[in-house]
Amino acid sequence: MQNRFDFRGLYVLDLANNHQGQVDHALRIIHEHGKVVAKQGVKAALKFQFRHFETFIHRTHQSGSSNKHIPRFLANALTDEEFARLTAAVREAGMLTMATPFDEASVELIDKLDIAIIKIASCSARDWPLLEKAASYNRPLIVSTGGLTHAEIDDVVSFLEHRSVDFALMHCVSIYPTPPEHLQLNQVAALKQRHPRITVGFSTHEDPADTRPVMVATAKGAEMLERHVGVVTDKTQLNAYSSTPAQTDAWIAAAEAARVMCGAATRPASIPAEQDSLISLKRGVFAARNLDSGEALAADAVYFAMPMTEGQLTSEQWKPGITMQQSVAQNEAVMVSTAQFPPAPEKRCLIHAIHEIKSMLNEARIFLPVDFNLEFSHHYGVGRFAEIGAVLIDCINREYCKKLVIQLPGQAHPNHFHKRKEETFQVLAGELELVLEGRLRVLYPGDLHLIPQGAWHSFSSKTGVIFEEVSTTHHNDDSFYEDKLINERGRSFRKTVVKQWGRYQLDS
């Protein structure tokens, strides 16, 4: 499920009861924190807390309650009209509106005030009547997970997914303030691993002067952040987990700095400064003795040392059998321009493909049995494997058959059909472009498609793909290609089959 609202990069500033029941004080908090948000140039929401006290608090506790929360809630109450005024101020400050409802009537107030986002507090995360009410409105929703087990969070996720709610999760520890040893920030990564298609954030209650937790949470993958905010005056002080505007400024700056430090999610290209630094530390190839033009070099003909000069052969590039194109004196650098490299073994590209395939399987958390056959399909020869081909891993071949099919980014498999085999593809990772009887289907993880006997089909992947092929029994003579040249060359030309990863078979 893809989020329709982009929760990523959202900062949630929780007003809670820090308005002290005073509209002017609340306006000041909104105004001063709005200036911080504008200064930092981030996406932020100012969050209210709504309670319909006439029904939310039992009538016997409307006065003189022994519950520690109720007197504070009642003392800081604001009217619907006052919240409407504050909502307008939030919009004027350039922030999104958000509210946490604690009862069904408060959800209706959210709708009445046209508040953009609903937040469900940890204490309400399994309040099914409230969740049912909140889910009935077409608004993005964030759920805090303080105190919940994985199984309980799973229930909430399924509940909201079944109702097609646009939602995100917040890791939260409901201790106020939260000491460092109870922050449990590894749970951010754990939630992302368990629910990879859902945005996960961190709702924080630690000492607002400590910016280390928000940096760690960001490094763990938190994509939204929340904290309580307020303003100190001569008459009002903040609790131990709420931020002044200056602390909010430092908190956002720390999170943004952490995002910059963490960098790209995919492996980036090395920048020139890094390349120059590494080159300055690399060893170059030097002549251990006088080398003659035309000489094929053995290992004892050279040695490796730093510093190297521009254009010099590196220890990384060295391989025995390099032929010298001109003479080189002892202790002089061997230059790339003077070296002729031996041709690479034909199947070297298959070994490099194995390295990438292993990493693709690891990244997708797909594990293989100890004993398996691996088949390279290279329909136009090994030399074109990177362009045309696929890797097939045999799992079962009885009356039923199961294979894993893997394509590297940019690979394509030629058009063909099977006379005896019916097969179904199910994508596990990446994207598959399947052309079946001339019609293109793009399949994503979880998608499956039937390929009937006799149906022409080809497939390719721009991203790289891993998919299961579940079929009737596989027969080696049952693939018929549109390009007759593939059939004429025979199976031995277009297939390399090895046991396990072919460690010794390909090397030989």
Protein backbone atom coordinates (compact mmCIF):
# COMPACT_ATOMS: atom_id res chain seq x y z
CA MET A 1 0.00 0.00 0.00
CA GLN A 2 1.42 3.40 -0.96
CA ASN A 3 0.79 6.42 1.24
CA ARG A 4 -1.28 9.07 -0.48
CA PHE A 5 -0.12 11.70 2.01
CA ASP A 6 3.65 12.02 2.16
CA PHE A 7 4.45 11.67 5.86
CA ARG A 8 8.19 11.70 5.23
CA GLY A 9 10.05 14.70 6.61
CA LEU A 10 7.10 15.80 8.75
CA TYR A 11 7.76 17.47 12.12
CA VAL A 12 4.84 17.29 14.56
CA LEU A 13 4.75 19.97 17.26
CA ASP A 14 2.32 18.90 20.01
CA LEU A 15 0.65 21.80 21.80
CA ALA A 16 -1.08 19.39 24.24
CA ASN A 17 -2.07 21.33 27.39
CA ASN A 18 0.84 23.74 27.19
CA HIS A 19 -1.60 26.46 26.13
CA GLN A 20 -2.61 26.49 29.83
CA GLY A 21 -6.22 26.99 28.76
CA GLN A 22 -5.34 30.48 27.47
CA VAL A 23 -5.94 31.39 23.85
CA ASP A 24 -3.42 34.26 23.82
CA HIS A 25 -0.71 32.00 25.23
CA ALA A 26 -1.54 29.33 22.64
CA LEU A 27 -1.32 31.92 19.87
CA ARG A 28 2.11 32.92 21.10
CA ILE A 29 3.29 29.29 21.05
CA ILE A 30 1.96 28.88 17.51
CA HIS A 31 3.52 32.13 16.34
CA GLU A 32 6.97 31.54 17.85
CA HIS A 33 7.24 27.94 16.73
CA GLY A 34 5.93 28.90 13.31
CA LYS A 35 8.92 31.23 12.99
CA VAL A 36 11.23 28.31 13.84
CA VAL A 37 9.61 26.14 11.16
CA ALA A 38 9.94 28.91 8.59
CA LYS A 39 13.59 29.47 9.53
CA GLN A 40 14.38 25.76 9.14
CA GLY A 41 12.34 25.46 5.93
CA VAL A 42 10.73 22.15 6.95
CA LYS A 43 7.26 20.64 6.71
CA ALA A 44 5.56 20.80 10.12
CA ALA A 45 2.19 20.30 11.75
CA LEU A 46 0.95 21.93 14.96
CA LYS A 47 -1.09 19.39 16.90
CA PHE A 48 -3.97 19.94 19.32
CA GLN A 49 -5.52 17.47 21.73
CA PHE A 50 -9.33 17.24 21.70
CA ARG A 51 -11.52 15.83 24.45
CA HIS A 52 -15.30 16.21 24.67
CA PHE A 53 -15.38 16.49 28.44
CA GLU A 54 -19.14 16.06 28.87
CA THR A 55 -18.85 12.45 27.70
CA PHE A 56 -15.13 11.71 27.86
CA ILE A 57 -14.98 12.08 31.65
CA HIS A 58 -17.50 10.15 33.72
CA ARG A 59 -20.00 12.41 35.48
CA THR A 60 -18.82 11.33 38.95
CA HIS A 61 -15.33 12.62 38.08
CA GLN A 62 -16.36 15.96 36.64
CA SER A 63 -15.23 17.57 39.91
CA GLY A 64 -12.98 16.42 42.72
CA SER A 65 -11.53 13.49 40.77
CA SER A 66 -8.64 11.54 42.28
CA ASN A 67 -7.32 10.75 38.77
CA LYS A 68 -4.18 12.85 38.32
CA HIS A 69 -4.97 13.79 34.72
CA ILE A 70 -8.60 14.91 34.96
CA PRO A 71 -8.19 18.11 37.02
CA ARG A 72 -5.47 19.30 34.62
CA PHE A 73 -7.57 18.47 31.56
CA LEU A 74 -10.57 20.37 32.92
CA ALA A 75 -8.50 23.35 34.06
CA ASN A 76 -6.99 23.80 30.60
CA ALA A 77 -10.15 23.30 28.56
CA LEU A 78 -10.80 25.42 25.46
CA THR A 79 -14.05 25.81 23.54
CA ASP A 80 -14.62 24.65 19.98
CA GLU A 81 -14.68 28.29 18.89
CA GLU A 82 -11.31 28.93 20.54
CA PHE A 83 -9.81 25.91 18.80
CA ALA A 84 -11.21 27.23 15.51
CA ARG A 85 -9.32 30.46 16.11
CA LEU A 86 -6.12 28.56 16.89
CA THR A 87 -6.54 26.36 13.81
CA ALA A 88 -6.66 29.47 11.64
CA ALA A 89 -3.48 30.74 13.32
CA VAL A 90 -1.67 27.50 12.55
CA ARG A 91 -2.50 27.85 8.86
CA GLU A 92 -1.42 31.48 8.87
CA ALA A 93 1.91 30.40 10.39
CA GLY A 94 2.49 28.11 7.40
CA MET A 95 1.99 24.83 9.25
CA LEU A 96 -0.36 21.91 8.76
CA THR A 97 -3.17 21.34 11.24
CA MET A 98 -3.34 18.14 13.26
CA ALA A 99 -5.30 16.93 16.28
CA THR A 100 -5.40 13.95 18.61
CA PRO A 101 -8.99 12.97 19.43
CA PHE A 102 -9.63 10.93 22.57
CA ASP A 103 -13.31 10.25 21.85
CA GLU A 104 -15.72 10.04 18.93
CA ALA A 105 -17.15 13.54 19.43
CA SER A 106 -13.62 14.94 19.09
CA VAL A 107 -13.24 13.20 15.72
CA GLU A 108 -16.34 15.08 14.62
CA LEU A 109 -14.72 18.35 15.78
CA ILE A 110 -11.69 17.51 13.63
CA ASP A 111 -14.03 17.20 10.66
CA LYS A 112 -15.89 20.40 11.57
CA LEU A 113 -12.63 22.40 11.77
CA ASP A 114 -11.28 20.70 8.61
CA ILE A 115 -8.09 19.67 10.38
CA ALA A 116 -5.70 18.01 7.94
CA ILE A 117 -4.26 15.06 9.91
CA ILE A 118 -5.56 12.83 12.71
CA LYS A 119 -3.13 11.54 15.34
CA ILE A 120 -4.02 8.58 17.54
CA ALA A 121 -2.24 8.56 20.90
CA SER A 122 -0.59 5.42 22.27
CA CYS A 123 -3.26 5.05 24.95
CA SER A 124 -5.92 4.97 22.20
CA ALA A 125 -4.03 2.83 19.67
CA ARG A 126 -6.30 -0.17 20.35
CA ASP A 127 -9.43 1.79 21.20
CA TRP A 128 -11.39 0.11 18.42
CA PRO A 129 -14.51 2.31 18.59
CA LEU A 130 -12.33 5.42 18.33
CA LEU A 131 -10.23 3.94 15.53
CA GLU A 132 -13.40 2.96 13.66
CA LYS A 133 -14.65 6.52 13.89
CA ALA A 134 -11.31 8.04 12.84
CA ALA A 135 -10.98 5.57 9.94
CA SER A 136 -14.38 6.64 8.61
CA TYR A 137 -13.01 10.08 7.64
CA ASN A 138 -10.90 10.56 4.55
CA ARG A 139 -7.88 11.96 6.39
CA PRO A 140 -4.29 10.79 6.81
CA LEU A 141 -3.77 9.24 10.21
CA ILE A 142 -0.72 8.69 12.44
CA VAL A 143 -0.71 6.08 15.23
CA SER A 144 1.71 6.11 18.17
CA THR A 145 2.77 2.67 19.39
CA GLY A 146 3.89 3.28 22.99
CA GLY A 147 3.48 0.18 25.17
CA LEU A 148 2.26 -2.07 22.32
CA THR A 149 3.72 -5.45 21.44
CA HIS A 150 4.53 -6.35 17.84
CA ALA A 151 1.41 -8.53 17.73
CA GLU A 152 -0.75 -5.64 18.94
CA ILE A 153 0.79 -3.29 16.37
CA ASP A 154 0.12 -5.94 13.72
CA ASP A 155 -3.57 -5.86 14.70
CA VAL A 156 -3.70 -2.08 14.31
CA VAL A 157 -1.91 -2.17 10.94
CA SER A 158 -4.31 -4.81 9.61
CA PHE A 159 -7.32 -2.91 10.96
CA LEU A 160 -6.31 0.25 9.10
CA GLU A 161 -5.18 -1.50 5.93
CA HIS A 162 -8.49 -3.35 5.68
CA ARG A 163 -10.23 0.03 5.76
CA SER A 164 -7.83 1.54 3.21
CA VAL A 165 -6.75 4.24 5.65
CA ASP A 166 -3.78 6.40 4.66
CA PHE A 167 -1.64 6.00 7.80
CA ALA A 168 1.81 5.99 9.38
CA LEU A 169 3.30 4.68 12.63
CA MET A 170 5.25 6.44 15.38
CA HIS A 171 7.63 4.59 17.67
CA CYS A 172 6.93 6.02 21.09
CA VAL A 173 7.80 5.34 24.73
CA SER A 174 5.06 6.64 27.03
CA ILE A 175 7.27 7.72 29.92
CA TYR A 176 7.34 11.47 30.64
CA PRO A 177 10.19 12.38 30.40
CA THR A 178 11.83 9.30 28.87
CA PRO A 179 15.33 8.51 30.22
CA PRO A 180 17.93 7.50 27.60
CA GLU A 181 17.99 3.85 28.67
CA HIS A 182 14.28 3.50 27.83
CA LEU A 183 14.22 5.19 24.40
CA GLN A 184 14.45 1.83 22.55
CA LEU A 185 15.43 3.51 19.28
CA ASN A 186 16.22 0.19 17.60
CA GLN A 187 12.45 -0.23 17.43
CA VAL A 188 12.32 2.39 14.66
CA ALA A 189 14.34 0.07 12.42
CA ALA A 190 12.39 -2.97 13.68
CA LEU A 191 9.07 -1.38 12.69
CA LYS A 192 10.44 -0.44 9.27
CA GLN A 193 11.63 -4.01 8.76
CA ARG A 194 8.28 -5.47 9.83
CA HIS A 195 6.13 -2.96 7.92
CA PRO A 196 8.30 -1.88 4.96
CA ARG A 197 5.54 -0.06 3.08
CA ILE A 198 4.50 2.15 6.01
CA THR A 199 6.22 5.39 7.03
CA VAL A 200 7.68 5.09 10.54
CA GLY A 201 8.56 8.00 12.81
CA PHE A 202 9.60 8.76 16.39
CA SER A 203 7.47 10.54 18.98
CA THR A 204 9.82 11.77 21.64
CA HIS A 205 9.49 12.65 25.34
CA GLU A 206 13.14 12.91 26.37
CA ASP A 207 14.91 15.93 27.84
CA PRO A 208 14.34 18.67 25.23
CA ALA A 209 17.87 19.98 25.72
CA ASP A 210 19.31 16.64 24.52
CA THR A 211 19.48 16.46 20.72
CA ARG A 212 21.32 13.13 20.59
CA PRO A 213 18.18 10.94 20.57
CA VAL A 214 16.65 12.67 17.56
CA MET A 215 19.89 12.21 15.62
CA VAL A 216 20.03 8.51 16.50
CA ALA A 217 16.34 8.07 15.62
CA THR A 218 16.93 9.72 12.26
CA ALA A 219 19.92 7.45 11.64
CA LYS A 220 17.72 4.45 12.50
CA GLY A 221 15.34 5.52 9.74
CA ALA A 222 12.70 7.67 11.47
CA GLU A 223 11.04 9.68 8.70
CA MET A 224 8.76 11.81 10.90
CA LEU A 225 9.44 13.33 14.30
CA GLU A 226 7.20 14.60 17.08
CA ARG A 227 7.69 16.44 20.33
CA HIS A 228 5.73 18.61 22.81
CA VAL A 229 6.23 22.37 22.53
CA GLY A 230 5.46 25.47 24.55
CA VAL A 231 6.71 28.89 25.63
CA VAL A 232 8.09 29.95 29.01
CA THR A 233 6.70 33.20 30.53
CA ASP A 234 6.81 34.84 33.94
CA LYS A 235 3.64 32.94 34.81
CA THR A 236 4.13 29.63 32.97
CA GLN A 237 6.87 27.04 33.08
CA LEU A 238 7.24 24.00 30.82
CA ASN A 239 7.28 20.40 31.92
CA ALA A 240 10.43 18.29 31.63
CA TYR A 241 9.66 16.97 28.14
CA SER A 242 8.40 20.08 26.27
CA SER A 243 10.56 22.34 24.10
CA THR A 244 10.91 26.08 24.02
CA PRO A 245 11.18 27.63 20.55
CA ALA A 246 14.97 27.69 20.89
CA GLN A 247 15.02 24.01 21.83
CA THR A 248 12.67 23.17 18.96
CA ASP A 249 15.02 25.03 16.64
CA ALA A 250 18.01 23.01 17.89
CA TRP A 251 15.99 19.77 17.72
CA ILE A 252 14.98 20.30 14.08
CA ALA A 253 18.50 21.42 13.16
CA ALA A 254 19.96 18.27 14.75
CA ALA A 255 17.53 16.02 12.86
CA GLU A 256 18.24 17.75 9.57
CA ALA A 257 21.99 17.50 10.22
CA ALA A 258 21.55 13.77 10.88
CA ARG A 259 19.69 13.35 7.59
CA VAL A 260 22.59 15.01 5.77
CA MET A 261 25.10 12.81 7.60
CA CYS A 262 23.16 9.63 6.80
CA GLY A 263 23.08 10.50 3.10
CA ALA A 264 21.57 8.40 0.33
CA ALA A 265 19.70 5.16 0.91
CA THR A 266 21.35 3.63 -2.16
CA ARG A 267 25.11 3.41 -2.63
CA PRO A 268 26.23 6.77 -4.09
CA ALA A 269 29.06 7.33 -6.55
CA SER A 270 32.34 8.38 -5.00
CA ILE A 271 32.94 12.13 -5.14
CA PRO A 272 36.21 13.43 -6.72
CA ALA A 273 37.69 14.44 -3.35
CA GLU A 274 37.24 10.87 -2.06
CA GLN A 275 38.71 9.40 -5.25
CA ASP A 276 41.75 11.68 -4.99
CA SER A 277 42.23 10.73 -1.34
CA LEU A 278 42.13 7.01 -2.11
CA ILE A 279 44.41 7.29 -5.15
CA SER A 280 47.00 9.00 -2.99
CA LEU A 281 47.07 5.89 -0.75
CA LYS A 282 46.98 3.19 -3.44
CA ARG A 283 49.99 1.06 -4.36
CA GLY A 284 51.30 1.16 -7.88
CA VAL A 285 53.06 -1.55 -9.91
CA PHE A 286 56.85 -1.17 -10.21
CA ALA A 287 59.44 -3.23 -12.09
CA ALA A 288 61.33 -5.59 -9.77
CA ARG A 289 64.00 -5.90 -12.52
CA ASN A 290 64.50 -4.64 -16.02
CA LEU A 291 61.47 -5.64 -18.08
CA ASP A 292 61.73 -6.28 -21.81
CA SER A 293 59.24 -5.25 -24.47
CA GLY A 294 57.03 -8.22 -25.36
CA GLU A 295 57.66 -9.94 -22.03
CA ALA A 296 54.70 -11.63 -20.32
CA LEU A 297 55.01 -10.73 -16.67
CA ALA A 298 54.98 -13.24 -13.84
CA ALA A 299 54.31 -12.29 -10.23
CA ASP A 300 58.01 -12.05 -9.34
CA ALA A 301 58.66 -9.50 -12.13
CA VAL A 302 56.98 -6.66 -10.24
CA TYR A 303 56.42 -5.25 -6.76
CA PHE A 304 53.82 -2.91 -5.30
CA ALA A 305 54.54 0.37 -3.52
CA MET A 306 53.22 3.85 -2.90
CA PRO A 307 53.06 6.60 -3.96
CA MET A 308 51.88 5.92 -7.48
CA THR A 309 51.92 8.34 -10.38
CA GLU A 310 49.09 9.30 -12.69
CA GLY A 311 48.51 6.69 -15.37
CA GLN A 312 50.42 3.98 -13.46
CA LEU A 313 49.11 0.43 -13.23
CA THR A 314 47.66 -0.18 -9.75
CA SER A 315 47.84 -3.29 -7.58
CA GLU A 316 44.06 -3.50 -8.11
CA GLN A 317 44.54 -3.77 -11.89
CA TRP A 318 47.48 -6.17 -11.77
CA LYS A 319 47.17 -9.74 -13.02
CA PRO A 320 49.88 -12.20 -14.10
CA GLY A 321 50.25 -12.52 -17.87
CA ILE A 322 50.30 -8.80 -18.68
CA THR A 323 52.52 -8.28 -21.73
CA MET A 324 54.87 -5.30 -21.84
CA GLN A 325 54.56 -3.09 -24.92
CA GLN A 326 57.90 -1.39 -24.21
CA SER A 327 60.88 -1.87 -21.92
CA VAL A 328 60.78 -0.64 -18.32
CA ALA A 329 63.86 -0.20 -16.14
CA GLN A 330 64.12 -1.71 -12.67
CA ASN A 331 62.20 0.27 -10.01
CA GLU A 332 60.38 2.32 -12.65
CA ALA A 333 56.59 2.53 -12.76
CA VAL A 334 54.68 0.18 -15.02
CA MET A 335 52.19 2.37 -16.89
CA VAL A 336 48.77 1.33 -18.14
CA SER A 337 49.67 2.59 -21.59
CA THR A 338 52.63 0.18 -21.79
CA ALA A 339 50.71 -2.91 -20.59
CA GLN A 340 48.61 -5.28 -22.68
CA PHE A 341 46.16 -7.22 -20.53
CA PRO A 342 45.44 -10.91 -21.14
CA PRO A 343 41.91 -11.58 -22.35
CA ALA A 344 39.40 -12.17 -19.55
CA PRO A 345 38.05 -15.72 -19.30
CA GLU A 346 34.79 -16.02 -21.23
CA LYS A 347 32.79 -16.86 -18.14
CA ARG A 348 34.28 -14.17 -15.90
CA CYS A 349 31.10 -12.11 -16.37
CA LEU A 350 29.10 -14.98 -14.87
CA ILE A 351 31.24 -14.90 -11.73
CA HIS A 352 30.62 -11.15 -11.37
CA ALA A 353 26.88 -11.80 -11.92
CA ILE A 354 26.90 -14.30 -9.05
CA HIS A 355 28.27 -11.64 -6.72
CA GLU A 356 25.42 -9.27 -7.60
CA ILE A 357 22.78 -12.01 -7.44
CA LYS A 358 23.89 -13.04 -3.95
CA SER A 359 23.52 -9.45 -2.80
CA MET A 360 20.08 -9.14 -4.41
CA LEU A 361 18.92 -12.28 -2.59
CA ASN A 362 20.38 -11.05 0.70
CA GLU A 363 18.73 -7.66 0.33
CA ALA A 364 15.37 -9.34 -0.37
CA ARG A 365 15.90 -11.72 2.59
CA ILE A 366 15.52 -14.76 0.34
CA PHE A 367 17.47 -17.80 1.49
CA LEU A 368 18.41 -20.84 -0.57
CA PRO A 369 18.82 -24.51 0.37
CA VAL A 370 22.33 -25.89 0.76
CA ASP A 371 22.05 -28.01 -2.39
CA PHE A 372 20.75 -26.40 -5.58
CA ASN A 373 21.48 -26.10 -9.28
CA LEU A 374 22.08 -22.68 -10.78
CA GLU A 375 21.48 -22.16 -14.49
CA PHE A 376 22.69 -19.17 -16.50
CA SER A 377 20.60 -18.51 -19.60
CA HIS A 378 22.67 -16.57 -22.18
CA HIS A 379 20.66 -16.91 -25.36
CA TYR A 380 23.17 -15.11 -27.59
CA GLY A 381 26.29 -16.30 -25.81
CA VAL A 382 28.06 -15.51 -22.56
CA GLY A 383 29.41 -12.26 -24.01
CA ARG A 384 25.90 -10.79 -24.17
CA PHE A 385 24.70 -12.16 -20.82
CA ALA A 386 24.51 -8.71 -19.21
CA GLU A 387 22.07 -7.69 -21.95
CA ILE A 388 20.15 -10.89 -22.77
CA GLY A 389 19.68 -13.56 -20.16
CA ALA A 390 18.54 -14.61 -16.70
CA VAL A 391 19.57 -16.85 -13.84
CA LEU A 392 17.36 -19.78 -12.84
CA ILE A 393 17.71 -21.57 -9.51
CA ASP A 394 16.03 -24.97 -9.43
CA CYS A 395 14.15 -25.67 -6.20
CA ILE A 396 11.78 -28.53 -7.11
CA ASN A 397 11.06 -30.37 -10.36
CA ARG A 398 8.51 -33.16 -9.93
CA GLU A 399 4.93 -33.22 -11.21
CA TYR A 400 5.10 -29.66 -10.00
CA CYS A 401 8.09 -27.35 -10.38
CA LYS A 402 9.41 -24.29 -8.58
CA LYS A 403 12.28 -22.06 -9.65
CA LEU A 404 13.65 -18.70 -8.63
CA VAL A 405 14.31 -16.52 -11.67
CA ILE A 406 16.65 -13.56 -11.27
CA GLN A 407 17.43 -10.81 -13.76
CA LEU A 408 20.04 -8.14 -13.25
CA PRO A 409 19.11 -4.53 -14.03
CA GLY A 410 18.71 -4.09 -17.77
CA GLN A 411 18.49 -7.78 -18.68
CA ALA A 412 15.86 -9.14 -21.06
CA HIS A 413 14.69 -12.69 -21.83
CA PRO A 414 13.71 -13.37 -25.49
CA ASN A 415 10.21 -14.18 -26.69
CA HIS A 416 9.34 -17.89 -26.47
CA PHE A 417 6.63 -20.41 -25.54
CA HIS A 418 6.33 -23.86 -23.95
CA LYS A 419 4.31 -26.73 -25.42
CA ARG A 420 4.03 -28.82 -22.25
CA LYS A 421 4.62 -26.45 -19.36
CA GLU A 422 2.12 -24.08 -17.78
CA GLU A 423 3.73 -21.59 -15.41
CA THR A 424 2.87 -18.79 -13.01
CA PHE A 425 5.23 -15.93 -12.17
CA GLN A 426 5.09 -14.22 -8.76
CA VAL A 427 7.38 -11.26 -8.13
CA LEU A 428 9.27 -11.28 -4.83
CA ALA A 429 11.51 -8.22 -5.28
CA GLY A 430 12.03 -5.56 -7.93
CA GLU A 431 9.86 -4.97 -11.00
CA LEU A 432 9.18 -7.30 -13.93
CA GLU A 433 8.01 -6.21 -17.36
CA LEU A 434 6.16 -9.21 -18.80
CA VAL A 435 5.03 -9.21 -22.44
CA LEU A 436 2.40 -11.93 -22.89
CA GLU A 437 0.99 -12.40 -26.40
CA GLY A 438 2.14 -8.88 -27.26
CA ARG A 439 0.58 -7.20 -24.21
CA LEU A 440 2.79 -5.52 -21.62
CA ARG A 441 2.16 -6.08 -17.91
CA VAL A 442 4.36 -4.49 -15.24
CA LEU A 443 4.47 -6.72 -12.15
CA TYR A 444 5.48 -5.52 -8.69
CA PRO A 445 6.30 -7.49 -5.50
CA GLY A 446 3.34 -9.72 -4.69
CA ASP A 447 1.90 -9.65 -8.22
CA LEU A 448 1.46 -12.95 -10.03
CA HIS A 449 0.58 -13.87 -13.59
CA LEU A 450 -0.31 -17.11 -15.37
CA ILE A 451 1.47 -18.05 -18.60
CA PRO A 452 -0.58 -20.76 -20.36
CA GLN A 453 0.89 -23.49 -22.54
CA GLY A 454 1.63 -22.19 -26.02
CA ALA A 455 1.52 -18.49 -25.06
CA TRP A 456 4.31 -16.31 -26.44
CA HIS A 457 6.02 -14.41 -23.63
CA SER A 458 9.17 -12.45 -22.92
CA PHE A 459 10.26 -10.53 -19.84
CA SER A 460 12.78 -7.94 -18.74
CA SER A 461 13.63 -5.72 -15.79
CA LYS A 462 14.98 -2.18 -15.53
CA THR A 463 15.46 -2.44 -11.75
CA GLY A 464 16.57 -6.05 -11.40
CA VAL A 465 14.00 -8.61 -10.29
CA ILE A 466 13.57 -11.85 -8.34
CA PHE A 467 10.46 -13.87 -9.06
CA GLU A 468 9.16 -17.37 -8.44
CA GLU A 469 8.20 -19.57 -11.36
CA VAL A 470 5.72 -22.21 -10.22
CA SER A 471 4.80 -24.63 -13.00
CA THR A 472 4.08 -28.11 -14.16
CA THR A 473 7.13 -30.33 -14.73
CA HIS A 474 10.03 -28.63 -16.51
CA HIS A 475 11.43 -30.31 -19.64
CA ASN A 476 14.74 -29.20 -21.16
CA ASP A 477 13.43 -29.41 -24.76
CA ASP A 478 10.24 -27.42 -24.15
CA SER A 479 11.30 -23.82 -24.91
CA PHE A 480 10.64 -22.59 -28.45
CA TYR A 481 12.02 -19.16 -29.35
CA GLU A 482 10.72 -16.61 -31.79
CA ASP A 483 14.31 -16.08 -32.95
CA LYS A 484 15.00 -19.44 -34.62
CA LEU A 485 18.76 -18.88 -34.29
CA ILE A 486 18.46 -19.51 -30.52
CA ASN A 487 16.86 -22.91 -31.12
CA GLU A 488 19.35 -23.84 -33.87
CA ARG A 489 22.37 -23.20 -31.67
CA GLY A 490 21.09 -25.64 -29.09
CA ARG A 491 20.88 -25.78 -25.33
CA SER A 492 24.61 -26.10 -24.64
CA PHE A 493 25.26 -22.72 -26.32
CA ARG A 494 22.63 -20.85 -24.34
CA LYS A 495 22.99 -22.54 -20.94
CA THR A 496 25.69 -22.79 -18.28
CA VAL A 497 24.61 -25.05 -15.42
CA VAL A 498 26.59 -25.32 -12.16
CA LYS A 499 26.10 -26.84 -8.74
CA GLN A 500 25.44 -24.40 -5.91
CA TRP A 501 27.34 -21.20 -6.84
CA GLY A 502 29.76 -22.97 -9.21
CA ARG A 503 32.78 -21.86 -7.20
CA TYR A 504 35.18 -24.31 -8.81
CA GLN A 505 33.32 -25.12 -12.01
CA LEU A 506 33.39 -21.52 -13.30
CA ASP A 507 36.95 -20.90 -12.11
CA SER A 508 38.16 -23.94 -14.04
